[in-house]
Amino acid sequence: MDEFEEIVEIELDEDEFDIEDDVRLTEIYKLTIKLIEHLDRLKSQELKEAASLMIIREIISDDRVLMGLATKMLQDLSYGFDDDPTYSS
């Protein structure tokens, strides 16, 4: 991961930290859509899978609660419960 961090430098503007949560969530959503589009453009399925797993790992980090929520969501998706409007996890 360190080699990727060296390649991709993200500049954070200190003024960005003063914005409201709804504005921040909107920006996160826009960036997520762009990220997914870039992942979809990868020709190699293996690279797409590796990049996706790397992103998940970075987001979850050491947050055990988030890890549990992500695990439950993935289980629901794999069993097809996400399409059932009567199902509540």
PDB file of N, CA and C in Angstrom:
ATOM      1  N   MET A   1       0.821  -1.188   0.000  1.00  0.00           N
ATOM      2  CA  MET A   1       0.000   0.000   0.000  1.00  0.00           C
ATOM      3  C   MET A   1       0.862   1.246   0.000  1.00  0.00           C
ATOM      4  N   ASP A   2       2.027   1.178   0.624  1.00  0.00           N
ATOM      5  CA  ASP A   2       2.891   2.344   0.701  1.00  0.00           C
ATOM      6  C   ASP A   2       3.329   2.829  -0.674  1.00  0.00           C
ATOM      7  N   GLU A   3       3.588   1.869  -1.592  1.00  0.00           N
ATOM      8  CA  GLU A   3       4.019   2.298  -2.916  1.00  0.00           C
ATOM      9  C   GLU A   3       2.913   3.055  -3.647  1.00  0.00           C
ATOM     10  N   PHE A   4       1.647   2.701  -3.400  1.00  0.00           N
ATOM     11  CA  PHE A   4       0.532   3.421  -4.010  1.00  0.00           C
ATOM     12  C   PHE A   4       0.395   4.809  -3.410  1.00  0.00           C
ATOM     13  N   GLU A   5       0.625   4.915  -2.111  1.00  0.00           N
ATOM     14  CA  GLU A   5       0.535   6.208  -1.453  1.00  0.00           C
ATOM     15  C   GLU A   5       1.600   7.163  -1.982  1.00  0.00           C
ATOM     16  N   GLU A   6       2.751   6.615  -2.359  1.00  0.00           N
ATOM     17  CA  GLU A   6       3.797   7.455  -2.925  1.00  0.00           C
ATOM     18  C   GLU A   6       3.406   7.935  -4.317  1.00  0.00           C
ATOM     19  N   ILE A   7       2.724   7.104  -5.081  1.00  0.00           N
ATOM     20  CA  ILE A   7       2.321   7.456  -6.436  1.00  0.00           C
ATOM     21  C   ILE A   7       1.186   8.469  -6.409  1.00  0.00           C
ATOM     22  N   VAL A   8       0.197   8.208  -5.564  1.00  0.00           N
ATOM     23  CA  VAL A   8      -0.982   9.063  -5.501  1.00  0.00           C
ATOM     24  C   VAL A   8      -0.867   9.977  -4.293  1.00  0.00           C
ATOM     25  N   GLU A   9      -0.673  11.241  -4.554  1.00  0.00           N
ATOM     26  CA  GLU A   9      -0.607  12.204  -3.466  1.00  0.00           C
ATOM     27  C   GLU A   9      -1.933  12.940  -3.404  1.00  0.00           C
ATOM     28  N   ILE A  10      -2.566  12.880  -2.263  1.00  0.00           N
ATOM     29  CA  ILE A  10      -3.840  13.555  -2.074  1.00  0.00           C
ATOM     30  C   ILE A  10      -3.592  14.800  -1.242  1.00  0.00           C
ATOM     31  N   GLU A  11      -3.904  15.928  -1.835  1.00  0.00           N
ATOM     32  CA  GLU A  11      -3.743  17.183  -1.122  1.00  0.00           C
ATOM     33  C   GLU A  11      -5.046  17.515  -0.418  1.00  0.00           C
ATOM     34  N   LEU A  12      -4.963  17.728   0.877  1.00  0.00           N
ATOM     35  CA  LEU A  12      -6.133  18.067   1.660  1.00  0.00           C
ATOM     36  C   LEU A  12      -6.102  19.549   1.995  1.00  0.00           C
ATOM     37  N   ASP A  13      -7.152  20.211   1.638  1.00  0.00           N
ATOM     38  CA  ASP A  13      -7.293  21.628   1.947  1.00  0.00           C
ATOM     39  C   ASP A  13      -7.912  21.735   3.342  1.00  0.00           C
ATOM     40  N   GLU A  14      -7.251  22.449   4.224  1.00  0.00           N
ATOM     41  CA  GLU A  14      -7.738  22.567   5.598  1.00  0.00           C
ATOM     42  C   GLU A  14      -9.138  23.167   5.662  1.00  0.00           C
ATOM     43  N   ASP A  15      -9.499  24.009   4.699  1.00  0.00           N
ATOM     44  CA  ASP A  15     -10.835  24.602   4.684  1.00  0.00           C
ATOM     45  C   ASP A  15     -11.916  23.556   4.447  1.00  0.00           C
ATOM     46  N   GLU A  16     -11.555  22.423   3.830  1.00  0.00           N
ATOM     47  CA  GLU A  16     -12.532  21.385   3.550  1.00  0.00           C
ATOM     48  C   GLU A  16     -13.055  20.735   4.827  1.00  0.00           C
ATOM     49  N   PHE A  17     -12.309  20.842   5.909  1.00  0.00           N
ATOM     50  CA  PHE A  17     -12.717  20.191   7.143  1.00  0.00           C
ATOM     51  C   PHE A  17     -13.783  20.974   7.899  1.00  0.00           C
ATOM     52  N   ASP A  18     -14.097  22.163   7.448  1.00  0.00           N
ATOM     53  CA  ASP A  18     -15.095  22.985   8.109  1.00  0.00           C
ATOM     54  C   ASP A  18     -16.481  22.876   7.474  1.00  0.00           C
ATOM     55  N   ILE A  19     -16.631  22.022   6.484  1.00  0.00           N
ATOM     56  CA  ILE A  19     -17.917  21.925   5.796  1.00  0.00           C
ATOM     57  C   ILE A  19     -18.877  21.029   6.571  1.00  0.00           C
ATOM     58  N   GLU A  20     -20.148  21.175   6.283  1.00  0.00           N
ATOM     59  CA  GLU A  20     -21.186  20.396   6.958  1.00  0.00           C
ATOM     60  C   GLU A  20     -21.156  18.935   6.494  1.00  0.00           C
ATOM     61  N   ASP A  21     -21.708  18.056   7.335  1.00  0.00           N
ATOM     62  CA  ASP A  21     -21.707  16.626   7.023  1.00  0.00           C
ATOM     63  C   ASP A  21     -22.446  16.298   5.730  1.00  0.00           C
ATOM     64  N   ASP A  22     -23.567  16.962   5.465  1.00  0.00           N
ATOM     65  CA  ASP A  22     -24.316  16.636   4.253  1.00  0.00           C
ATOM     66  C   ASP A  22     -23.525  16.998   3.000  1.00  0.00           C
ATOM     67  N   VAL A  23     -22.780  18.088   3.064  1.00  0.00           N
ATOM     68  CA  VAL A  23     -21.931  18.463   1.941  1.00  0.00           C
ATOM     69  C   VAL A  23     -20.788  17.462   1.800  1.00  0.00           C
ATOM     70  N   ARG A  24     -20.232  17.066   2.917  1.00  0.00           N
ATOM     71  CA  ARG A  24     -19.136  16.085   2.921  1.00  0.00           C
ATOM     72  C   ARG A  24     -19.617  14.745   2.359  1.00  0.00           C
ATOM     73  N   LEU A  25     -20.804  14.303   2.780  1.00  0.00           N
ATOM     74  CA  LEU A  25     -21.342  13.036   2.276  1.00  0.00           C
ATOM     75  C   LEU A  25     -21.611  13.102   0.780  1.00  0.00           C
ATOM     76  N   THR A  26     -22.063  14.235   0.305  1.00  0.00           N
ATOM     77  CA  THR A  26     -22.279  14.416  -1.128  1.00  0.00           C
ATOM     78  C   THR A  26     -20.960  14.277  -1.881  1.00  0.00           C
ATOM     79  N   GLU A  27     -19.921  14.879  -1.358  1.00  0.00           N
ATOM     80  CA  GLU A  27     -18.598  14.799  -1.991  1.00  0.00           C
ATOM     81  C   GLU A  27     -18.071  13.365  -1.964  1.00  0.00           C
ATOM     82  N   ILE A  28     -18.257  12.673  -0.855  1.00  0.00           N
ATOM     83  CA  ILE A  28     -17.833  11.271  -0.748  1.00  0.00           C
ATOM     84  C   ILE A  28     -18.564  10.428  -1.782  1.00  0.00           C
ATOM     85  N   TYR A  29     -19.867  10.659  -1.934  1.00  0.00           N
ATOM     86  CA  TYR A  29     -20.651   9.912  -2.922  1.00  0.00           C
ATOM     87  C   TYR A  29     -20.126  10.158  -4.336  1.00  0.00           C
ATOM     88  N   LYS A  30     -19.849  11.411  -4.660  1.00  0.00           N
ATOM     89  CA  LYS A  30     -19.329  11.740  -5.999  1.00  0.00           C
ATOM     90  C   LYS A  30     -17.987  11.060  -6.244  1.00  0.00           C
ATOM     91  N   LEU A  31     -17.116  11.095  -5.249  1.00  0.00           N
ATOM     92  CA  LEU A  31     -15.814  10.451  -5.389  1.00  0.00           C
ATOM     93  C   LEU A  31     -15.950   8.938  -5.512  1.00  0.00           C
ATOM     94  N   THR A  32     -16.902   8.364  -4.783  1.00  0.00           N
ATOM     95  CA  THR A  32     -17.139   6.926  -4.857  1.00  0.00           C
ATOM     96  C   THR A  32     -17.594   6.512  -6.252  1.00  0.00           C
ATOM     97  N   ILE A  33     -18.488   7.284  -6.838  1.00  0.00           N
ATOM     98  CA  ILE A  33     -18.961   6.998  -8.192  1.00  0.00           C
ATOM     99  C   ILE A  33     -17.796   7.048  -9.180  1.00  0.00           C
ATOM    100  N   LYS A  34     -16.935   8.061  -9.056  1.00  0.00           N
ATOM    101  CA  LYS A  34     -15.759   8.159  -9.933  1.00  0.00           C
ATOM    102  C   LYS A  34     -14.830   6.968  -9.736  1.00  0.00           C
ATOM    103  N   LEU A  35     -14.639   6.583  -8.491  1.00  0.00           N
ATOM    104  CA  LEU A  35     -13.771   5.454  -8.180  1.00  0.00           C
ATOM    105  C   LEU A  35     -14.310   4.169  -8.795  1.00  0.00           C
ATOM    106  N   ILE A  36     -15.601   3.943  -8.679  1.00  0.00           N
ATOM    107  CA  ILE A  36     -16.220   2.749  -9.260  1.00  0.00           C
ATOM    108  C   ILE A  36     -16.087   2.758 -10.775  1.00  0.00           C
ATOM    109  N   GLU A  37     -16.256   3.916 -11.388  1.00  0.00           N
ATOM    110  CA  GLU A  37     -16.089   4.015 -12.844  1.00  0.00           C
ATOM    111  C   GLU A  37     -14.662   3.653 -13.246  1.00  0.00           C
ATOM    112  N   HIS A  38     -13.686   4.120 -12.485  1.00  0.00           N
ATOM    113  CA  HIS A  38     -12.298   3.777 -12.779  1.00  0.00           C
ATOM    114  C   HIS A  38     -12.048   2.279 -12.596  1.00  0.00           C
ATOM    115  N   LEU A  39     -12.618   1.701 -11.548  1.00  0.00           N
ATOM    116  CA  LEU A  39     -12.470   0.260 -11.340  1.00  0.00           C
ATOM    117  C   LEU A  39     -13.089  -0.525 -12.488  1.00  0.00           C
ATOM    118  N   ASP A  40     -14.247  -0.083 -12.967  1.00  0.00           N
ATOM    119  CA  ASP A  40     -14.914  -0.776 -14.063  1.00  0.00           C
ATOM    120  C   ASP A  40     -14.124  -0.712 -15.365  1.00  0.00           C
ATOM    121  N   ARG A  41     -13.291   0.299 -15.508  1.00  0.00           N
ATOM    122  CA  ARG A  41     -12.493   0.456 -16.733  1.00  0.00           C
ATOM    123  C   ARG A  41     -11.236  -0.409 -16.736  1.00  0.00           C
ATOM    124  N   LEU A  42     -10.896  -0.991 -15.587  1.00  0.00           N
ATOM    125  CA  LEU A  42      -9.737  -1.877 -15.557  1.00  0.00           C
ATOM    126  C   LEU A  42     -10.010  -3.096 -16.425  1.00  0.00           C
ATOM    127  N   LYS A  43      -9.058  -3.434 -17.265  1.00  0.00           N
ATOM    128  CA  LYS A  43      -9.239  -4.574 -18.164  1.00  0.00           C
ATOM    129  C   LYS A  43      -9.010  -5.901 -17.451  1.00  0.00           C
ATOM    130  N   SER A  44      -8.134  -5.890 -16.481  1.00  0.00           N
ATOM    131  CA  SER A  44      -7.804  -7.114 -15.759  1.00  0.00           C
ATOM    132  C   SER A  44      -8.775  -7.326 -14.597  1.00  0.00           C
ATOM    133  N   GLN A  45      -9.463  -8.450 -14.611  1.00  0.00           N
ATOM    134  CA  GLN A  45     -10.377  -8.785 -13.518  1.00  0.00           C
ATOM    135  C   GLN A  45      -9.617  -8.950 -12.206  1.00  0.00           C
ATOM    136  N   GLU A  46      -8.409  -9.509 -12.298  1.00  0.00           N
ATOM    137  CA  GLU A  46      -7.604  -9.696 -11.097  1.00  0.00           C
ATOM    138  C   GLU A  46      -7.222  -8.356 -10.472  1.00  0.00           C
ATOM    139  N   LEU A  47      -6.858  -7.387 -11.313  1.00  0.00           N
ATOM    140  CA  LEU A  47      -6.531  -6.060 -10.783  1.00  0.00           C
ATOM    141  C   LEU A  47      -7.754  -5.390 -10.177  1.00  0.00           C
ATOM    142  N   LYS A  48      -8.888  -5.559 -10.813  1.00  0.00           N
ATOM    143  CA  LYS A  48     -10.133  -4.976 -10.301  1.00  0.00           C
ATOM    144  C   LYS A  48     -10.457  -5.556  -8.923  1.00  0.00           C
ATOM    145  N   GLU A  49     -10.330  -6.875  -8.797  1.00  0.00           N
ATOM    146  CA  GLU A  49     -10.614  -7.525  -7.514  1.00  0.00           C
ATOM    147  C   GLU A  49      -9.613  -7.096  -6.447  1.00  0.00           C
ATOM    148  N   ALA A  50      -8.336  -7.048  -6.810  1.00  0.00           N
ATOM    149  CA  ALA A  50      -7.306  -6.656  -5.848  1.00  0.00           C
ATOM    150  C   ALA A  50      -7.504  -5.213  -5.393  1.00  0.00           C
ATOM    151  N   ALA A  51      -7.800  -4.334  -6.328  1.00  0.00           N
ATOM    152  CA  ALA A  51      -8.020  -2.930  -5.976  1.00  0.00           C
ATOM    153  C   ALA A  51      -9.255  -2.776  -5.094  1.00  0.00           C
ATOM    154  N   SER A  52     -10.308  -3.518  -5.411  1.00  0.00           N
ATOM    155  CA  SER A  52     -11.529  -3.447  -4.608  1.00  0.00           C
ATOM    156  C   SER A  52     -11.277  -3.913  -3.184  1.00  0.00           C
ATOM    157  N   LEU A  53     -10.567  -5.019  -3.034  1.00  0.00           N
ATOM    158  CA  LEU A  53     -10.258  -5.525  -1.700  1.00  0.00           C
ATOM    159  C   LEU A  53      -9.340  -4.572  -0.944  1.00  0.00           C
ATOM    160  N   MET A  54      -8.406  -3.952  -1.652  1.00  0.00           N
ATOM    161  CA  MET A  54      -7.504  -2.982  -1.028  1.00  0.00           C
ATOM    162  C   MET A  54      -8.297  -1.787  -0.494  1.00  0.00           C
ATOM    163  N   ILE A  55      -9.277  -1.340  -1.270  1.00  0.00           N
ATOM    164  CA  ILE A  55     -10.107  -0.207  -0.845  1.00  0.00           C
ATOM    165  C   ILE A  55     -10.918  -0.576   0.391  1.00  0.00           C
ATOM    166  N   ILE A  56     -11.518  -1.768   0.370  1.00  0.00           N
ATOM    167  CA  ILE A  56     -12.304  -2.228   1.519  1.00  0.00           C
ATOM    168  C   ILE A  56     -11.428  -2.285   2.765  1.00  0.00           C
ATOM    169  N   ARG A  57     -10.238  -2.832   2.610  1.00  0.00           N
ATOM    170  CA  ARG A  57      -9.323  -2.949   3.753  1.00  0.00           C
ATOM    171  C   ARG A  57      -8.941  -1.572   4.300  1.00  0.00           C
ATOM    172  N   GLU A  58      -8.690  -0.628   3.417  1.00  0.00           N
ATOM    173  CA  GLU A  58      -8.339   0.727   3.851  1.00  0.00           C
ATOM    174  C   GLU A  58      -9.498   1.389   4.588  1.00  0.00           C
ATOM    175  N   ILE A  59     -10.707   1.188   4.104  1.00  0.00           N
ATOM    176  CA  ILE A  59     -11.876   1.810   4.736  1.00  0.00           C
ATOM    177  C   ILE A  59     -12.135   1.192   6.100  1.00  0.00           C
ATOM    178  N   ILE A  60     -12.086  -0.114   6.188  1.00  0.00           N
ATOM    179  CA  ILE A  60     -12.385  -0.803   7.446  1.00  0.00           C
ATOM    180  C   ILE A  60     -11.284  -0.584   8.473  1.00  0.00           C
ATOM    181  N   SER A  61     -10.036  -0.645   8.042  1.00  0.00           N
ATOM    182  CA  SER A  61      -8.888  -0.459   8.915  1.00  0.00           C
ATOM    183  C   SER A  61      -9.014  -1.372  10.138  1.00  0.00           C
ATOM    184  N   ASP A  62      -8.992  -0.797  11.327  1.00  0.00           N
ATOM    185  CA  ASP A  62      -9.085  -1.592  12.562  1.00  0.00           C
ATOM    186  C   ASP A  62     -10.426  -1.423  13.254  1.00  0.00           C
ATOM    187  N   ASP A  63     -11.421  -0.943  12.547  1.00  0.00           N
ATOM    188  CA  ASP A  63     -12.739  -0.689  13.125  1.00  0.00           C
ATOM    189  C   ASP A  63     -13.539  -1.994  13.144  1.00  0.00           C
ATOM    190  N   ARG A  64     -13.621  -2.625  14.299  1.00  0.00           N
ATOM    191  CA  ARG A  64     -14.293  -3.926  14.435  1.00  0.00           C
ATOM    192  C   ARG A  64     -15.799  -3.829  14.159  1.00  0.00           C
ATOM    193  N   VAL A  65     -16.416  -2.734  14.548  1.00  0.00           N
ATOM    194  CA  VAL A  65     -17.849  -2.559  14.302  1.00  0.00           C
ATOM    195  C   VAL A  65     -18.106  -2.460  12.808  1.00  0.00           C
ATOM    196  N   LEU A  66     -17.321  -1.654  12.125  1.00  0.00           N
ATOM    197  CA  LEU A  66     -17.466  -1.516  10.682  1.00  0.00           C
ATOM    198  C   LEU A  66     -17.182  -2.839   9.974  1.00  0.00           C
ATOM    199  N   MET A  67     -16.210  -3.589  10.481  1.00  0.00           N
ATOM    200  CA  MET A  67     -15.905  -4.896   9.906  1.00  0.00           C
ATOM    201  C   MET A  67     -17.101  -5.843  10.043  1.00  0.00           C
ATOM    202  N   GLY A  68     -17.755  -5.813  11.200  1.00  0.00           N
ATOM    203  CA  GLY A  68     -18.933  -6.647  11.413  1.00  0.00           C
ATOM    204  C   GLY A  68     -20.086  -6.243  10.510  1.00  0.00           C
ATOM    205  N   LEU A  69     -20.288  -4.947  10.369  1.00  0.00           N
ATOM    206  CA  LEU A  69     -21.362  -4.458   9.494  1.00  0.00           C
ATOM    207  C   LEU A  69     -21.097  -4.839   8.040  1.00  0.00           C
ATOM    208  N   ALA A  70     -19.846  -4.696   7.610  1.00  0.00           N
ATOM    209  CA  ALA A  70     -19.494  -5.043   6.234  1.00  0.00           C
ATOM    210  C   ALA A  70     -19.654  -6.544   6.001  1.00  0.00           C
ATOM    211  N   THR A  71     -19.278  -7.350   6.975  1.00  0.00           N
ATOM    212  CA  THR A  71     -19.424  -8.802   6.872  1.00  0.00           C
ATOM    213  C   THR A  71     -20.890  -9.185   6.737  1.00  0.00           C
ATOM    214  N   LYS A  72     -21.739  -8.592   7.558  1.00  0.00           N
ATOM    215  CA  LYS A  72     -23.176  -8.866   7.502  1.00  0.00           C
ATOM    216  C   LYS A  72     -23.760  -8.444   6.159  1.00  0.00           C
ATOM    217  N   MET A  73     -23.357  -7.270   5.671  1.00  0.00           N
ATOM    218  CA  MET A  73     -23.850  -6.792   4.386  1.00  0.00           C
ATOM    219  C   MET A  73     -23.441  -7.741   3.261  1.00  0.00           C
ATOM    220  N   LEU A  74     -22.186  -8.203   3.293  1.00  0.00           N
ATOM    221  CA  LEU A  74     -21.717  -9.126   2.255  1.00  0.00           C
ATOM    222  C   LEU A  74     -22.450 -10.464   2.327  1.00  0.00           C
ATOM    223  N   GLN A  75     -22.742 -10.926   3.525  1.00  0.00           N
ATOM    224  CA  GLN A  75     -23.524 -12.156   3.674  1.00  0.00           C
ATOM    225  C   GLN A  75     -24.925 -11.973   3.093  1.00  0.00           C
ATOM    226  N   ASP A  76     -25.542 -10.859   3.408  1.00  0.00           N
ATOM    227  CA  ASP A  76     -26.880 -10.572   2.880  1.00  0.00           C
ATOM    228  C   ASP A  76     -26.856 -10.533   1.348  1.00  0.00           C
ATOM    229  N   LEU A  77     -25.840  -9.891   0.796  1.00  0.00           N
ATOM    230  CA  LEU A  77     -25.724  -9.816  -0.662  1.00  0.00           C
ATOM    231  C   LEU A  77     -25.506 -11.194  -1.275  1.00  0.00           C
ATOM    232  N   SER A  78     -24.651 -11.992  -0.650  1.00  0.00           N
ATOM    233  CA  SER A  78     -24.336 -13.304  -1.220  1.00  0.00           C
ATOM    234  C   SER A  78     -25.518 -14.268  -1.139  1.00  0.00           C
ATOM    235  N   TYR A  79     -26.375 -14.097  -0.142  1.00  0.00           N
ATOM    236  CA  TYR A  79     -27.556 -14.954  -0.024  1.00  0.00           C
ATOM    237  C   TYR A  79     -28.772 -14.380  -0.734  1.00  0.00           C
ATOM    238  N   GLY A  80     -28.629 -13.217  -1.338  1.00  0.00           N
ATOM    239  CA  GLY A  80     -29.714 -12.623  -2.102  1.00  0.00           C
ATOM    240  C   GLY A  80     -30.769 -11.925  -1.273  1.00  0.00           C
ATOM    241  N   PHE A  81     -30.465 -11.635  -0.018  1.00  0.00           N
ATOM    242  CA  PHE A  81     -31.444 -10.986   0.845  1.00  0.00           C
ATOM    243  C   PHE A  81     -31.637  -9.505   0.511  1.00  0.00           C
ATOM    244  N   ASP A  82     -30.708  -8.920  -0.241  1.00  0.00           N
ATOM    245  CA  ASP A  82     -30.817  -7.498  -0.549  1.00  0.00           C
ATOM    246  C   ASP A  82     -31.990  -7.202  -1.474  1.00  0.00           C
ATOM    247  N   ASP A  83     -32.480  -8.207  -2.180  1.00  0.00           N
ATOM    248  CA  ASP A  83     -33.615  -8.025  -3.082  1.00  0.00           C
ATOM    249  C   ASP A  83     -34.957  -8.279  -2.412  1.00  0.00           C
ATOM    250  N   ASP A  84     -34.946  -8.779  -1.188  1.00  0.00           N
ATOM    251  CA  ASP A  84     -36.174  -9.116  -0.478  1.00  0.00           C
ATOM    252  C   ASP A  84     -36.605  -7.946   0.414  1.00  0.00           C
ATOM    253  N   PRO A  85     -37.678  -7.235   0.041  1.00  0.00           N
ATOM    254  CA  PRO A  85     -38.087  -6.065   0.832  1.00  0.00           C
ATOM    255  C   PRO A  85     -38.602  -6.424   2.222  1.00  0.00           C
ATOM    256  N   THR A  86     -38.953  -7.691   2.454  1.00  0.00           N
ATOM    257  CA  THR A  86     -39.451  -8.093   3.774  1.00  0.00           C
ATOM    258  C   THR A  86     -38.324  -8.481   4.720  1.00  0.00           C
ATOM    259  N   TYR A  87     -37.121  -8.614   4.196  1.00  0.00           N
ATOM    260  CA  TYR A  87     -35.979  -9.034   5.026  1.00  0.00           C
ATOM    261  C   TYR A  87     -35.366  -7.851   5.752  1.00  0.00           C
ATOM    262  N   SER A  88     -35.066  -8.038   7.013  1.00  0.00           N
ATOM    263  CA  SER A  88     -34.374  -7.028   7.799  1.00  0.00           C
ATOM    264  C   SER A  88     -33.214  -7.707   8.504  1.00  0.00           C
ATOM    265  N   SER A  89     -32.015  -7.182   8.282  1.00  0.00           N
ATOM    266  CA  SER A  89     -30.847  -7.871   8.881  1.00  0.00           C
ATOM    267  C   SER A  89     -30.581  -7.448  10.266  1.00  0.00           C
TER     268      SER A  89
END
